[in-house]
Amino acid sequence: MGEHRLKTIEENERAHIITALRQCGGRIRGINGAAEILGVPPTTLASKMQKLGIKR
Protein backbone atom coordinates (compact mmCIF):
# COMPACT_ATOMS: atom_id res chain seq x y z
CA MET A 1 0.00 0.00 0.00
CA GLY A 2 1.22 3.50 -0.82
CA GLU A 3 1.75 6.11 1.83
CA HIS A 4 -1.12 8.51 2.33
CA ARG A 5 -0.19 11.94 3.56
CA LEU A 6 -2.55 13.19 6.22
CA LYS A 7 -3.98 16.63 5.49
CA THR A 8 -3.04 19.45 7.81
CA ILE A 9 -5.70 21.02 10.02
CA GLU A 10 -5.48 24.12 7.83
CA GLU A 11 -6.10 22.06 4.67
CA ASN A 12 -9.06 20.32 6.30
CA GLU A 13 -10.48 23.62 7.54
CA ARG A 14 -10.14 25.18 4.09
CA ALA A 15 -11.90 22.25 2.40
CA HIS A 16 -14.66 22.26 5.05
CA ILE A 17 -15.33 25.99 4.62
CA ILE A 18 -15.42 25.65 0.82
CA THR A 19 -17.91 22.78 1.12
CA ALA A 20 -20.14 24.89 3.39
CA LEU A 21 -19.95 27.87 1.03
CA ARG A 22 -20.94 25.69 -1.94
CA GLN A 23 -23.83 24.23 0.04
CA CYS A 24 -25.27 27.69 0.75
CA GLY A 25 -24.51 29.30 -2.61
CA GLY A 26 -21.59 31.38 -1.32
CA ARG A 27 -23.61 33.18 1.35
CA ILE A 28 -21.71 33.81 4.58
CA ARG A 29 -24.34 35.53 6.74
CA GLY A 30 -27.97 34.96 7.58
CA ILE A 31 -30.20 31.96 7.97
CA ASN A 32 -28.58 28.91 6.36
CA GLY A 33 -25.46 30.95 5.58
CA ALA A 34 -22.08 29.26 5.86
CA ALA A 35 -21.33 30.84 9.25
CA GLU A 36 -24.54 29.44 10.71
CA ILE A 37 -23.91 26.01 9.18
CA LEU A 38 -20.37 25.97 10.61
CA GLY A 39 -21.42 27.38 14.00
CA VAL A 40 -19.16 30.44 13.95
CA PRO A 41 -19.83 34.19 13.85
CA PRO A 42 -19.80 35.62 10.29
CA THR A 43 -16.86 37.88 11.19
CA THR A 44 -14.83 34.87 12.31
CA LEU A 45 -15.65 33.00 9.11
CA ALA A 46 -14.72 36.02 6.98
CA SER A 47 -11.34 36.36 8.72
CA LYS A 48 -10.67 32.60 8.41
CA MET A 49 -11.50 32.81 4.71
CA GLN A 50 -9.10 35.70 4.26
CA LYS A 51 -6.35 33.87 6.16
CA LEU A 52 -6.85 30.71 4.10
CA GLY A 53 -7.11 32.57 0.77
CA ILE A 54 -10.73 31.57 0.11
CA LYS A 55 -12.68 33.84 -2.24
CA ARG A 56 -16.45 33.67 -2.71
PDB file of N, CA and C in Angstrom:
ATOM      1  N   MET A   1       0.844  -1.199   0.000  1.00  0.00           N
ATOM      2  CA  MET A   1       0.000   0.000   0.000  1.00  0.00           C
ATOM      3  C   MET A   1       0.879   1.248   0.000  1.00  0.00           C
ATOM      4  N   GLY A   2       0.482   2.249  -0.776  1.00  0.00           N
ATOM      5  CA  GLY A   2       1.223   3.497  -0.822  1.00  0.00           C
ATOM      6  C   GLY A   2       0.982   4.339   0.422  1.00  0.00           C
ATOM      7  N   GLU A   3       1.901   5.227   0.676  1.00  0.00           N
ATOM      8  CA  GLU A   3       1.751   6.108   1.831  1.00  0.00           C
ATOM      9  C   GLU A   3       0.726   7.192   1.518  1.00  0.00           C
ATOM     10  N   HIS A   4      -0.124   7.446   2.479  1.00  0.00           N
ATOM     11  CA  HIS A   4      -1.121   8.512   2.335  1.00  0.00           C
ATOM     12  C   HIS A   4      -0.752   9.629   3.284  1.00  0.00           C
ATOM     13  N   ARG A   5      -0.524  10.791   2.737  1.00  0.00           N
ATOM     14  CA  ARG A   5      -0.194  11.941   3.563  1.00  0.00           C
ATOM     15  C   ARG A   5      -1.468  12.457   4.213  1.00  0.00           C
ATOM     16  N   LEU A   6      -1.417  12.638   5.492  1.00  0.00           N
ATOM     17  CA  LEU A   6      -2.549  13.185   6.222  1.00  0.00           C
ATOM     18  C   LEU A   6      -2.614  14.678   5.963  1.00  0.00           C
ATOM     19  N   LYS A   7      -3.809  15.186   5.707  1.00  0.00           N
ATOM     20  CA  LYS A   7      -3.976  16.627   5.491  1.00  0.00           C
ATOM     21  C   LYS A   7      -3.710  17.379   6.784  1.00  0.00           C
ATOM     22  N   THR A   8      -3.221  18.608   6.632  1.00  0.00           N
ATOM     23  CA  THR A   8      -3.039  19.455   7.812  1.00  0.00           C
ATOM     24  C   THR A   8      -4.400  19.953   8.283  1.00  0.00           C
ATOM     25  N   ILE A   9      -4.456  20.451   9.494  1.00  0.00           N
ATOM     26  CA  ILE A   9      -5.702  21.021  10.015  1.00  0.00           C
ATOM     27  C   ILE A   9      -6.131  22.185   9.130  1.00  0.00           C
ATOM     28  N   GLU A  10      -5.167  22.979   8.700  1.00  0.00           N
ATOM     29  CA  GLU A  10      -5.476  24.117   7.830  1.00  0.00           C
ATOM     30  C   GLU A  10      -6.087  23.656   6.507  1.00  0.00           C
ATOM     31  N   GLU A  11      -5.549  22.600   5.919  1.00  0.00           N
ATOM     32  CA  GLU A  11      -6.100  22.064   4.665  1.00  0.00           C
ATOM     33  C   GLU A  11      -7.518  21.529   4.877  1.00  0.00           C
ATOM     34  N   ASN A  12      -7.720  20.833   5.985  1.00  0.00           N
ATOM     35  CA  ASN A  12      -9.057  20.325   6.297  1.00  0.00           C
ATOM     36  C   ASN A  12     -10.045  21.459   6.535  1.00  0.00           C
ATOM     37  N   GLU A  13      -9.611  22.482   7.255  1.00  0.00           N
ATOM     38  CA  GLU A  13     -10.476  23.622   7.545  1.00  0.00           C
ATOM     39  C   GLU A  13     -10.862  24.336   6.249  1.00  0.00           C
ATOM     40  N   ARG A  14      -9.889  24.519   5.367  1.00  0.00           N
ATOM     41  CA  ARG A  14     -10.140  25.184   4.090  1.00  0.00           C
ATOM     42  C   ARG A  14     -11.174  24.398   3.268  1.00  0.00           C
ATOM     43  N   ALA A  15     -10.977  23.092   3.164  1.00  0.00           N
ATOM     44  CA  ALA A  15     -11.900  22.249   2.402  1.00  0.00           C
ATOM     45  C   ALA A  15     -13.302  22.274   3.024  1.00  0.00           C
ATOM     46  N   HIS A  16     -13.374  22.260   4.349  1.00  0.00           N
ATOM     47  CA  HIS A  16     -14.658  22.258   5.049  1.00  0.00           C
ATOM     48  C   HIS A  16     -15.416  23.565   4.811  1.00  0.00           C
ATOM     49  N   ILE A  17     -14.711  24.685   4.869  1.00  0.00           N
ATOM     50  CA  ILE A  17     -15.334  25.994   4.623  1.00  0.00           C
ATOM     51  C   ILE A  17     -15.824  26.072   3.180  1.00  0.00           C
ATOM     52  N   ILE A  18     -15.014  25.617   2.237  1.00  0.00           N
ATOM     53  CA  ILE A  18     -15.417  25.647   0.825  1.00  0.00           C
ATOM     54  C   ILE A  18     -16.660  24.804   0.606  1.00  0.00           C
ATOM     55  N   THR A  19     -16.728  23.645   1.227  1.00  0.00           N
ATOM     56  CA  THR A  19     -17.909  22.784   1.116  1.00  0.00           C
ATOM     57  C   THR A  19     -19.146  23.502   1.657  1.00  0.00           C
ATOM     58  N   ALA A  20     -19.012  24.155   2.802  1.00  0.00           N
ATOM     59  CA  ALA A  20     -20.142  24.885   3.392  1.00  0.00           C
ATOM     60  C   ALA A  20     -20.576  26.029   2.490  1.00  0.00           C
ATOM     61  N   LEU A  21     -19.629  26.757   1.927  1.00  0.00           N
ATOM     62  CA  LEU A  21     -19.955  27.871   1.031  1.00  0.00           C
ATOM     63  C   LEU A  21     -20.696  27.380  -0.210  1.00  0.00           C
ATOM     64  N   ARG A  22     -20.257  26.262  -0.763  1.00  0.00           N
ATOM     65  CA  ARG A  22     -20.940  25.692  -1.940  1.00  0.00           C
ATOM     66  C   ARG A  22     -22.364  25.284  -1.581  1.00  0.00           C
ATOM     67  N   GLN A  23     -22.521  24.706  -0.402  1.00  0.00           N
ATOM     68  CA  GLN A  23     -23.829  24.233   0.041  1.00  0.00           C
ATOM     69  C   GLN A  23     -24.833  25.372   0.187  1.00  0.00           C
ATOM     70  N   CYS A  24     -24.347  26.565   0.545  1.00  0.00           N
ATOM     71  CA  CYS A  24     -25.267  27.688   0.749  1.00  0.00           C
ATOM     72  C   CYS A  24     -25.146  28.744  -0.346  1.00  0.00           C
ATOM     73  N   GLY A  25     -24.596  28.381  -1.479  1.00  0.00           N
ATOM     74  CA  GLY A  25     -24.506  29.299  -2.607  1.00  0.00           C
ATOM     75  C   GLY A  25     -23.580  30.479  -2.383  1.00  0.00           C
ATOM     76  N   GLY A  26     -22.571  30.316  -1.547  1.00  0.00           N
ATOM     77  CA  GLY A  26     -21.591  31.380  -1.316  1.00  0.00           C
ATOM     78  C   GLY A  26     -21.982  32.393  -0.263  1.00  0.00           C
ATOM     79  N   ARG A  27     -23.145  32.221   0.344  1.00  0.00           N
ATOM     80  CA  ARG A  27     -23.607  33.178   1.353  1.00  0.00           C
ATOM     81  C   ARG A  27     -22.920  32.906   2.686  1.00  0.00           C
ATOM     82  N   ILE A  28     -22.399  33.948   3.302  1.00  0.00           N
ATOM     83  CA  ILE A  28     -21.710  33.807   4.584  1.00  0.00           C
ATOM     84  C   ILE A  28     -22.684  34.042   5.740  1.00  0.00           C
ATOM     85  N   ARG A  29     -23.472  35.112   5.638  1.00  0.00           N
ATOM     86  CA  ARG A  29     -24.342  35.533   6.745  1.00  0.00           C
ATOM     87  C   ARG A  29     -25.781  35.080   6.566  1.00  0.00           C
ATOM     88  N   GLY A  30     -26.545  35.194   7.642  1.00  0.00           N
ATOM     89  CA  GLY A  30     -27.975  34.959   7.583  1.00  0.00           C
ATOM     90  C   GLY A  30     -28.365  33.508   7.806  1.00  0.00           C
ATOM     91  N   ILE A  31     -29.668  33.298   7.769  1.00  0.00           N
ATOM     92  CA  ILE A  31     -30.203  31.957   7.969  1.00  0.00           C
ATOM     93  C   ILE A  31     -29.688  31.038   6.869  1.00  0.00           C
ATOM     94  N   ASN A  32     -29.179  29.897   7.269  1.00  0.00           N
ATOM     95  CA  ASN A  32     -28.582  28.911   6.358  1.00  0.00           C
ATOM     96  C   ASN A  32     -27.345  29.417   5.625  1.00  0.00           C
ATOM     97  N   GLY A  33     -26.741  30.493   6.119  1.00  0.00           N
ATOM     98  CA  GLY A  33     -25.464  30.947   5.583  1.00  0.00           C
ATOM     99  C   GLY A  33     -24.351  30.042   6.096  1.00  0.00           C
ATOM    100  N   ALA A  34     -23.189  30.134   5.496  1.00  0.00           N
ATOM    101  CA  ALA A  34     -22.077  29.263   5.858  1.00  0.00           C
ATOM    102  C   ALA A  34     -21.680  29.407   7.327  1.00  0.00           C
ATOM    103  N   ALA A  35     -21.709  30.636   7.849  1.00  0.00           N
ATOM    104  CA  ALA A  35     -21.334  30.835   9.253  1.00  0.00           C
ATOM    105  C   ALA A  35     -22.287  30.086  10.178  1.00  0.00           C
ATOM    106  N   GLU A  36     -23.574  30.149   9.883  1.00  0.00           N
ATOM    107  CA  GLU A  36     -24.544  29.437  10.712  1.00  0.00           C
ATOM    108  C   GLU A  36     -24.331  27.924  10.605  1.00  0.00           C
ATOM    109  N   ILE A  37     -24.129  27.441   9.395  1.00  0.00           N
ATOM    110  CA  ILE A  37     -23.906  26.008   9.178  1.00  0.00           C
ATOM    111  C   ILE A  37     -22.678  25.527   9.960  1.00  0.00           C
ATOM    112  N   LEU A  38     -21.626  26.354   9.959  1.00  0.00           N
ATOM    113  CA  LEU A  38     -20.372  25.975  10.613  1.00  0.00           C
ATOM    114  C   LEU A  38     -20.352  26.295  12.110  1.00  0.00           C
ATOM    115  N   GLY A  39     -21.343  27.062  12.576  1.00  0.00           N
ATOM    116  CA  GLY A  39     -21.424  27.381  13.997  1.00  0.00           C
ATOM    117  C   GLY A  39     -20.404  28.402  14.465  1.00  0.00           C
ATOM    118  N   VAL A  40     -20.089  29.362  13.589  1.00  0.00           N
ATOM    119  CA  VAL A  40     -19.156  30.438  13.949  1.00  0.00           C
ATOM    120  C   VAL A  40     -19.765  31.782  13.580  1.00  0.00           C
ATOM    121  N   PRO A  41     -19.349  32.861  14.249  1.00  0.00           N
ATOM    122  CA  PRO A  41     -19.829  34.186  13.850  1.00  0.00           C
ATOM    123  C   PRO A  41     -19.365  34.517  12.427  1.00  0.00           C
ATOM    124  N   PRO A  42     -20.188  35.256  11.666  1.00  0.00           N
ATOM    125  CA  PRO A  42     -19.801  35.623  10.294  1.00  0.00           C
ATOM    126  C   PRO A  42     -18.455  36.337  10.214  1.00  0.00           C
ATOM    127  N   THR A  43     -18.142  37.166  11.204  1.00  0.00           N
ATOM    128  CA  THR A  43     -16.859  37.884  11.187  1.00  0.00           C
ATOM    129  C   THR A  43     -15.683  36.914  11.327  1.00  0.00           C
ATOM    130  N   THR A  44     -15.868  35.889  12.147  1.00  0.00           N
ATOM    131  CA  THR A  44     -14.827  34.868  12.312  1.00  0.00           C
ATOM    132  C   THR A  44     -14.631  34.103  11.017  1.00  0.00           C
ATOM    133  N   LEU A  45     -15.744  33.726  10.378  1.00  0.00           N
ATOM    134  CA  LEU A  45     -15.653  32.999   9.114  1.00  0.00           C
ATOM    135  C   LEU A  45     -14.959  33.854   8.058  1.00  0.00           C
ATOM    136  N   ALA A  46     -15.336  35.124   7.977  1.00  0.00           N
ATOM    137  CA  ALA A  46     -14.722  36.016   6.982  1.00  0.00           C
ATOM    138  C   ALA A  46     -13.211  36.132   7.209  1.00  0.00           C
ATOM    139  N   SER A  47     -12.777  36.236   8.462  1.00  0.00           N
ATOM    140  CA  SER A  47     -11.341  36.358   8.720  1.00  0.00           C
ATOM    141  C   SER A  47     -10.614  35.043   8.438  1.00  0.00           C
ATOM    142  N   LYS A  48     -11.263  33.909   8.726  1.00  0.00           N
ATOM    143  CA  LYS A  48     -10.668  32.605   8.409  1.00  0.00           C
ATOM    144  C   LYS A  48     -10.525  32.452   6.893  1.00  0.00           C
ATOM    145  N   MET A  49     -11.551  32.886   6.165  1.00  0.00           N
ATOM    146  CA  MET A  49     -11.501  32.805   4.707  1.00  0.00           C
ATOM    147  C   MET A  49     -10.348  33.641   4.166  1.00  0.00           C
ATOM    148  N   GLN A  50     -10.183  34.833   4.712  1.00  0.00           N
ATOM    149  CA  GLN A  50      -9.096  35.698   4.257  1.00  0.00           C
ATOM    150  C   GLN A  50      -7.742  35.055   4.556  1.00  0.00           C
ATOM    151  N   LYS A  51      -7.591  34.518   5.757  1.00  0.00           N
ATOM    152  CA  LYS A  51      -6.345  33.871   6.159  1.00  0.00           C
ATOM    153  C   LYS A  51      -6.022  32.681   5.281  1.00  0.00           C
ATOM    154  N   LEU A  52      -7.057  31.920   4.895  1.00  0.00           N
ATOM    155  CA  LEU A  52      -6.854  30.708   4.102  1.00  0.00           C
ATOM    156  C   LEU A  52      -6.909  30.962   2.595  1.00  0.00           C
ATOM    157  N   GLY A  53      -7.108  32.216   2.200  1.00  0.00           N
ATOM    158  CA  GLY A  53      -7.113  32.574   0.773  1.00  0.00           C
ATOM    159  C   GLY A  53      -8.351  32.082   0.029  1.00  0.00           C
ATOM    160  N   ILE A  54      -9.487  32.033   0.730  1.00  0.00           N
ATOM    161  CA  ILE A  54     -10.730  31.571   0.110  1.00  0.00           C
ATOM    162  C   ILE A  54     -11.511  32.782  -0.377  1.00  0.00           C
ATOM    163  N   LYS A  55     -11.852  32.770  -1.656  1.00  0.00           N
ATOM    164  CA  LYS A  55     -12.681  33.844  -2.238  1.00  0.00           C
ATOM    165  C   LYS A  55     -14.062  33.283  -2.514  1.00  0.00           C
ATOM    166  N   ARG A  56     -15.069  34.137  -2.451  1.00  0.00           N
ATOM    167  CA  ARG A  56     -16.446  33.672  -2.714  1.00  0.00           C
ATOM    168  C   ARG A  56     -16.706  33.520  -4.178  1.00  0.00           C
TER     169      ARG A  56
END
